Amino acid sequence: MSDLTERLQAAATAAIADIMPAIEAEPRKVRMVTIELEVANGREVRGGTAWIERAVNVNRLLTSGGPRP
């Protein structure tokens, strides 16, 4: 495994750890986890971030009197 690959894995792990409380709070609603890592000069990992996309039942939201689009 190359040094870059190892650094990418470490950055991805750290980014996921940052959002772990949100994932564990409502795991059934997690629809997608996106990880974005910044690489410079083809070898330097400058940082990363992750975010989740939750599943939402739009019909329930609209019929419950929730916010309208």
PDB file of N, CA and C in Angstrom:
ATOM      1  N   MET A   1       0.853  -1.168   0.000  1.00  0.00           N
ATOM      2  CA  MET A   1       0.000   0.000   0.000  1.00  0.00           C
ATOM      3  C   MET A   1       0.906   1.241   0.000  1.00  0.00           C
ATOM      4  N   SER A   2       0.567   2.198  -0.819  1.00  0.00           N
ATOM      5  CA  SER A   2       1.381   3.404  -0.927  1.00  0.00           C
ATOM      6  C   SER A   2       1.131   4.348   0.251  1.00  0.00           C
ATOM      7  N   ASP A   3       2.074   5.260   0.457  1.00  0.00           N
ATOM      8  CA  ASP A   3       1.918   6.263   1.523  1.00  0.00           C
ATOM      9  C   ASP A   3       0.655   7.093   1.306  1.00  0.00           C
ATOM     10  N   LEU A   4       0.386   7.463   0.031  1.00  0.00           N
ATOM     11  CA  LEU A   4      -0.805   8.266  -0.255  1.00  0.00           C
ATOM     12  C   LEU A   4      -2.064   7.502   0.136  1.00  0.00           C
ATOM     13  N   THR A   5      -2.121   6.232  -0.205  1.00  0.00           N
ATOM     14  CA  THR A   5      -3.289   5.419   0.134  1.00  0.00           C
ATOM     15  C   THR A   5      -3.487   5.353   1.641  1.00  0.00           C
ATOM     16  N   GLU A   6      -2.407   5.185   2.372  1.00  0.00           N
ATOM     17  CA  GLU A   6      -2.500   5.134   3.827  1.00  0.00           C
ATOM     18  C   GLU A   6      -2.986   6.466   4.401  1.00  0.00           C
ATOM     19  N   ARG A   7      -2.495   7.576   3.856  1.00  0.00           N
ATOM     20  CA  ARG A   7      -2.935   8.894   4.336  1.00  0.00           C
ATOM     21  C   ARG A   7      -4.395   9.148   3.987  1.00  0.00           C
ATOM     22  N   LEU A   8      -4.823   8.693   2.800  1.00  0.00           N
ATOM     23  CA  LEU A   8      -6.232   8.836   2.416  1.00  0.00           C
ATOM     24  C   LEU A   8      -7.125   8.038   3.360  1.00  0.00           C
ATOM     25  N   GLN A   9      -6.724   6.826   3.685  1.00  0.00           N
ATOM     26  CA  GLN A   9      -7.516   6.008   4.610  1.00  0.00           C
ATOM     27  C   GLN A   9      -7.594   6.659   5.990  1.00  0.00           C
ATOM     28  N   ALA A  10      -6.492   7.206   6.460  1.00  0.00           N
ATOM     29  CA  ALA A  10      -6.482   7.859   7.769  1.00  0.00           C
ATOM     30  C   ALA A  10      -7.385   9.092   7.772  1.00  0.00           C
ATOM     31  N   ALA A  11      -7.331   9.884   6.706  1.00  0.00           N
ATOM     32  CA  ALA A  11      -8.168  11.081   6.613  1.00  0.00           C
ATOM     33  C   ALA A  11      -9.645  10.711   6.517  1.00  0.00           C
ATOM     34  N   ALA A  12      -9.962   9.653   5.767  1.00  0.00           N
ATOM     35  CA  ALA A  12     -11.356   9.213   5.653  1.00  0.00           C
ATOM     36  C   ALA A  12     -11.874   8.712   6.996  1.00  0.00           C
ATOM     37  N   THR A  13     -11.048   7.975   7.712  1.00  0.00           N
ATOM     38  CA  THR A  13     -11.436   7.477   9.034  1.00  0.00           C
ATOM     39  C   THR A  13     -11.710   8.633   9.992  1.00  0.00           C
ATOM     40  N   ALA A  14     -10.848   9.647   9.963  1.00  0.00           N
ATOM     41  CA  ALA A  14     -11.035  10.810  10.834  1.00  0.00           C
ATOM     42  C   ALA A  14     -12.304  11.575  10.460  1.00  0.00           C
ATOM     43  N   ALA A  15     -12.572  11.711   9.163  1.00  0.00           N
ATOM     44  CA  ALA A  15     -13.767  12.429   8.716  1.00  0.00           C
ATOM     45  C   ALA A  15     -15.037  11.700   9.153  1.00  0.00           C
ATOM     46  N   ILE A  16     -15.036  10.377   9.052  1.00  0.00           N
ATOM     47  CA  ILE A  16     -16.201   9.602   9.486  1.00  0.00           C
ATOM     48  C   ILE A  16     -16.371   9.706  10.996  1.00  0.00           C
ATOM     49  N   ALA A  17     -15.266   9.683  11.721  1.00  0.00           N
ATOM     50  CA  ALA A  17     -15.339   9.794  13.187  1.00  0.00           C
ATOM     51  C   ALA A  17     -15.998  11.111  13.605  1.00  0.00           C
ATOM     52  N   ASP A  18     -15.778  12.166  12.819  1.00  0.00           N
ATOM     53  CA  ASP A  18     -16.382  13.471  13.137  1.00  0.00           C
ATOM     54  C   ASP A  18     -17.908  13.439  13.072  1.00  0.00           C
ATOM     55  N   ILE A  19     -18.463  12.623  12.185  1.00  0.00           N
ATOM     56  CA  ILE A  19     -19.925  12.581  12.040  1.00  0.00           C
ATOM     57  C   ILE A  19     -20.549  11.361  12.710  1.00  0.00           C
ATOM     58  N   MET A  20     -19.740  10.565  13.396  1.00  0.00           N
ATOM     59  CA  MET A  20     -20.239   9.346  14.029  1.00  0.00           C
ATOM     60  C   MET A  20     -21.410   9.595  14.973  1.00  0.00           C
ATOM     61  N   PRO A  21     -21.405  10.651  15.798  1.00  0.00           N
ATOM     62  CA  PRO A  21     -22.578  10.867  16.670  1.00  0.00           C
ATOM     63  C   PRO A  21     -23.887  11.022  15.878  1.00  0.00           C
ATOM     64  N   ALA A  22     -23.830  11.710  14.756  1.00  0.00           N
ATOM     65  CA  ALA A  22     -25.041  11.888  13.935  1.00  0.00           C
ATOM     66  C   ALA A  22     -25.465  10.571  13.302  1.00  0.00           C
ATOM     67  N   ILE A  23     -24.510   9.771  12.896  1.00  0.00           N
ATOM     68  CA  ILE A  23     -24.825   8.466  12.296  1.00  0.00           C
ATOM     69  C   ILE A  23     -25.457   7.554  13.345  1.00  0.00           C
ATOM     70  N   GLU A  24     -24.867   7.522  14.531  1.00  0.00           N
ATOM     71  CA  GLU A  24     -25.356   6.624  15.571  1.00  0.00           C
ATOM     72  C   GLU A  24     -26.669   7.090  16.191  1.00  0.00           C
ATOM     73  N   ALA A  25     -26.984   8.370  16.089  1.00  0.00           N
ATOM     74  CA  ALA A  25     -28.232   8.886  16.657  1.00  0.00           C
ATOM     75  C   ALA A  25     -29.445   8.318  15.938  1.00  0.00           C
ATOM     76  N   GLU A  26     -29.386   8.254  14.615  1.00  0.00           N
ATOM     77  CA  GLU A  26     -30.513   7.733  13.830  1.00  0.00           C
ATOM     78  C   GLU A  26     -29.979   6.901  12.655  1.00  0.00           C
ATOM     79  N   PRO A  27     -29.401   5.741  12.929  1.00  0.00           N
ATOM     80  CA  PRO A  27     -28.779   4.959  11.867  1.00  0.00           C
ATOM     81  C   PRO A  27     -29.742   4.501  10.769  1.00  0.00           C
ATOM     82  N   ARG A  28     -31.010   4.303  11.111  1.00  0.00           N
ATOM     83  CA  ARG A  28     -31.970   3.846  10.099  1.00  0.00           C
ATOM     84  C   ARG A  28     -32.288   4.929   9.072  1.00  0.00           C
ATOM     85  N   LYS A  29     -32.014   6.194   9.421  1.00  0.00           N
ATOM     86  CA  LYS A  29     -32.315   7.281   8.502  1.00  0.00           C
ATOM     87  C   LYS A  29     -31.130   7.682   7.630  1.00  0.00           C
ATOM     88  N   VAL A  30     -29.957   7.099   7.889  1.00  0.00           N
ATOM     89  CA  VAL A  30     -28.789   7.431   7.075  1.00  0.00           C
ATOM     90  C   VAL A  30     -28.966   6.821   5.696  1.00  0.00           C
ATOM     91  N   ARG A  31     -28.982   7.686   4.696  1.00  0.00           N
ATOM     92  CA  ARG A  31     -29.165   7.244   3.318  1.00  0.00           C
ATOM     93  C   ARG A  31     -27.840   7.195   2.580  1.00  0.00           C
ATOM     94  N   MET A  32     -26.957   8.146   2.878  1.00  0.00           N
ATOM     95  CA  MET A  32     -25.695   8.223   2.168  1.00  0.00           C
ATOM     96  C   MET A  32     -24.675   8.934   3.049  1.00  0.00           C
ATOM     97  N   VAL A  33     -23.438   8.467   3.000  1.00  0.00           N
ATOM     98  CA  VAL A  33     -22.324   9.148   3.661  1.00  0.00           C
ATOM     99  C   VAL A  33     -21.372   9.583   2.549  1.00  0.00           C
ATOM    100  N   THR A  34     -21.074  10.866   2.518  1.00  0.00           N
ATOM    101  CA  THR A  34     -20.167  11.410   1.515  1.00  0.00           C
ATOM    102  C   THR A  34     -18.895  11.855   2.218  1.00  0.00           C
ATOM    103  N   ILE A  35     -17.764  11.468   1.644  1.00  0.00           N
ATOM    104  CA  ILE A  35     -16.463  11.851   2.182  1.00  0.00           C
ATOM    105  C   ILE A  35     -15.724  12.600   1.081  1.00  0.00           C
ATOM    106  N   GLU A  36     -15.205  13.757   1.440  1.00  0.00           N
ATOM    107  CA  GLU A  36     -14.446  14.574   0.487  1.00  0.00           C
ATOM    108  C   GLU A  36     -13.062  14.810   1.086  1.00  0.00           C
ATOM    109  N   LEU A  37     -12.016  14.424   0.340  1.00  0.00           N
ATOM    110  CA  LEU A  37     -10.643  14.579   0.797  1.00  0.00           C
ATOM    111  C   LEU A  37      -9.904  15.490  -0.173  1.00  0.00           C
ATOM    112  N   GLU A  38      -9.106  16.390   0.367  1.00  0.00           N
ATOM    113  CA  GLU A  38      -8.330  17.305  -0.475  1.00  0.00           C
ATOM    114  C   GLU A  38      -6.900  16.782  -0.586  1.00  0.00           C
ATOM    115  N   VAL A  39      -6.457  16.593  -1.825  1.00  0.00           N
ATOM    116  CA  VAL A  39      -5.103  16.114  -2.103  1.00  0.00           C
ATOM    117  C   VAL A  39      -4.380  17.176  -2.914  1.00  0.00           C
ATOM    118  N   ALA A  40      -3.163  17.510  -2.508  1.00  0.00           N
ATOM    119  CA  ALA A  40      -2.361  18.509  -3.216  1.00  0.00           C
ATOM    120  C   ALA A  40      -1.100  17.840  -3.770  1.00  0.00           C
ATOM    121  N   ASN A  41      -0.727  18.252  -4.946  1.00  0.00           N
ATOM    122  CA  ASN A  41       0.497  17.765  -5.583  1.00  0.00           C
ATOM    123  C   ASN A  41       0.529  16.252  -5.751  1.00  0.00           C
ATOM    124  N   GLY A  42      -0.631  15.624  -5.762  1.00  0.00           N
ATOM    125  CA  GLY A  42      -0.698  14.186  -5.973  1.00  0.00           C
ATOM    126  C   GLY A  42      -0.143  13.342  -4.839  1.00  0.00           C
ATOM    127  N   ARG A  43       0.189  13.964  -3.705  1.00  0.00           N
ATOM    128  CA  ARG A  43       0.762  13.169  -2.620  1.00  0.00           C
ATOM    129  C   ARG A  43       0.440  13.677  -1.218  1.00  0.00           C
ATOM    130  N   GLU A  44       0.015  14.900  -1.092  1.00  0.00           N
ATOM    131  CA  GLU A  44      -0.228  15.485   0.224  1.00  0.00           C
ATOM    132  C   GLU A  44      -1.730  15.569   0.498  1.00  0.00           C
ATOM    133  N   VAL A  45      -2.171  14.916   1.561  1.00  0.00           N
ATOM    134  CA  VAL A  45      -3.573  14.976   1.959  1.00  0.00           C
ATOM    135  C   VAL A  45      -3.705  16.166   2.892  1.00  0.00           C
ATOM    136  N   ARG A  46      -4.428  17.168   2.446  1.00  0.00           N
ATOM    137  CA  ARG A  46      -4.544  18.415   3.221  1.00  0.00           C
ATOM    138  C   ARG A  46      -5.690  18.412   4.196  1.00  0.00           C
ATOM    139  N   GLY A  47      -6.656  17.564   4.016  1.00  0.00           N
ATOM    140  CA  GLY A  47      -7.783  17.523   4.937  1.00  0.00           C
ATOM    141  C   GLY A  47      -8.949  16.784   4.338  1.00  0.00           C
ATOM    142  N   GLY A  48      -9.974  16.661   5.133  1.00  0.00           N
ATOM    143  CA  GLY A  48     -11.157  15.961   4.659  1.00  0.00           C
ATOM    144  C   GLY A  48     -12.375  16.344   5.465  1.00  0.00           C
ATOM    145  N   THR A  49     -13.501  16.052   4.899  1.00  0.00           N
ATOM    146  CA  THR A  49     -14.771  16.298   5.567  1.00  0.00           C
ATOM    147  C   THR A  49     -15.750  15.212   5.147  1.00  0.00           C
ATOM    148  N   ALA A  50     -16.742  15.001   5.969  1.00  0.00           N
ATOM    149  CA  ALA A  50     -17.779  14.018   5.659  1.00  0.00           C
ATOM    150  C   ALA A  50     -19.120  14.573   6.098  1.00  0.00           C
ATOM    151  N   TRP A  51     -20.160  14.143   5.434  1.00  0.00           N
ATOM    152  CA  TRP A  51     -21.507  14.534   5.830  1.00  0.00           C
ATOM    153  C   TRP A  51     -22.459  13.418   5.469  1.00  0.00           C
ATOM    154  N   ILE A  52     -23.607  13.431   6.132  1.00  0.00           N
ATOM    155  CA  ILE A  52     -24.608  12.402   5.870  1.00  0.00           C
ATOM    156  C   ILE A  52     -25.817  13.025   5.188  1.00  0.00           C
ATOM    157  N   GLU A  53     -26.485  12.191   4.439  1.00  0.00           N
ATOM    158  CA  GLU A  53     -27.772  12.565   3.857  1.00  0.00           C
ATOM    159  C   GLU A  53     -28.790  11.626   4.471  1.00  0.00           C
ATOM    160  N   ARG A  54     -29.808  12.208   5.037  1.00  0.00           N
ATOM    161  CA  ARG A  54     -30.830  11.411   5.715  1.00  0.00           C
ATOM    162  C   ARG A  54     -31.997  11.124   4.784  1.00  0.00           C
ATOM    163  N   ALA A  55     -32.614   9.995   5.013  1.00  0.00           N
ATOM    164  CA  ALA A  55     -33.828   9.645   4.293  1.00  0.00           C
ATOM    165  C   ALA A  55     -34.986  10.404   4.926  1.00  0.00           C
ATOM    166  N   VAL A  56     -35.821  10.984   4.107  1.00  0.00           N
ATOM    167  CA  VAL A  56     -36.977  11.744   4.581  1.00  0.00           C
ATOM    168  C   VAL A  56     -38.203  11.281   3.817  1.00  0.00           C
ATOM    169  N   ASN A  57     -39.276  11.040   4.530  1.00  0.00           N
ATOM    170  CA  ASN A  57     -40.543  10.691   3.911  1.00  0.00           C
ATOM    171  C   ASN A  57     -41.265  11.999   3.599  1.00  0.00           C
ATOM    172  N   VAL A  58     -41.190  12.437   2.347  1.00  0.00           N
ATOM    173  CA  VAL A  58     -41.750  13.726   1.955  1.00  0.00           C
ATOM    174  C   VAL A  58     -43.267  13.745   2.131  1.00  0.00           C
ATOM    175  N   ASN A  59     -43.937  12.664   1.803  1.00  0.00           N
ATOM    176  CA  ASN A  59     -45.400  12.638   1.964  1.00  0.00           C
ATOM    177  C   ASN A  59     -45.799  12.841   3.416  1.00  0.00           C
ATOM    178  N   ARG A  60     -45.104  12.186   4.335  1.00  0.00           N
ATOM    179  CA  ARG A  60     -45.415  12.352   5.746  1.00  0.00           C
ATOM    180  C   ARG A  60     -45.133  13.790   6.190  1.00  0.00           C
ATOM    181  N   LEU A  61     -44.040  14.347   5.708  1.00  0.00           N
ATOM    182  CA  LEU A  61     -43.676  15.713   6.067  1.00  0.00           C
ATOM    183  C   LEU A  61     -44.754  16.707   5.612  1.00  0.00           C
ATOM    184  N   LEU A  62     -45.234  16.546   4.377  1.00  0.00           N
ATOM    185  CA  LEU A  62     -46.225  17.466   3.837  1.00  0.00           C
ATOM    186  C   LEU A  62     -47.594  17.297   4.479  1.00  0.00           C
ATOM    187  N   THR A  63     -47.966  16.078   4.844  1.00  0.00           N
ATOM    188  CA  THR A  63     -49.286  15.877   5.435  1.00  0.00           C
ATOM    189  C   THR A  63     -49.308  16.133   6.929  1.00  0.00           C
ATOM    190  N   SER A  64     -48.136  16.257   7.540  1.00  0.00           N
ATOM    191  CA  SER A  64     -48.098  16.487   8.990  1.00  0.00           C
ATOM    192  C   SER A  64     -48.103  17.966   9.342  1.00  0.00           C
ATOM    193  N   GLY A  65     -48.171  18.814   8.331  1.00  0.00           N
ATOM    194  CA  GLY A  65     -48.175  20.243   8.596  1.00  0.00           C
ATOM    195  C   GLY A  65     -46.780  20.819   8.762  1.00  0.00           C
ATOM    196  N   GLY A  66     -45.781  20.050   8.358  1.00  0.00           N
ATOM    197  CA  GLY A  66     -44.397  20.514   8.447  1.00  0.00           C
ATOM    198  C   GLY A  66     -44.105  21.601   7.430  1.00  0.00           C
ATOM    199  N   PRO A  67     -42.876  22.043   7.328  1.00  0.00           N
ATOM    200  CA  PRO A  67     -42.534  23.109   6.397  1.00  0.00           C
ATOM    201  C   PRO A  67     -42.839  22.736   4.955  1.00  0.00           C
ATOM    202  N   ARG A  68     -43.306  23.667   4.228  1.00  0.00           N
ATOM    203  CA  ARG A  68     -43.627  23.455   2.814  1.00  0.00           C
ATOM    204  C   ARG A  68     -42.448  23.889   1.940  1.00  0.00           C
ATOM    205  N   PRO A  69     -42.213  23.160   0.847  1.00  0.00           N
ATOM    206  CA  PRO A  69     -41.096  23.551  -0.048  1.00  0.00           C
ATOM    207  C   PRO A  69     -41.364  24.857  -0.760  1.00  0.00           C
TER     208      PRO A  69
END
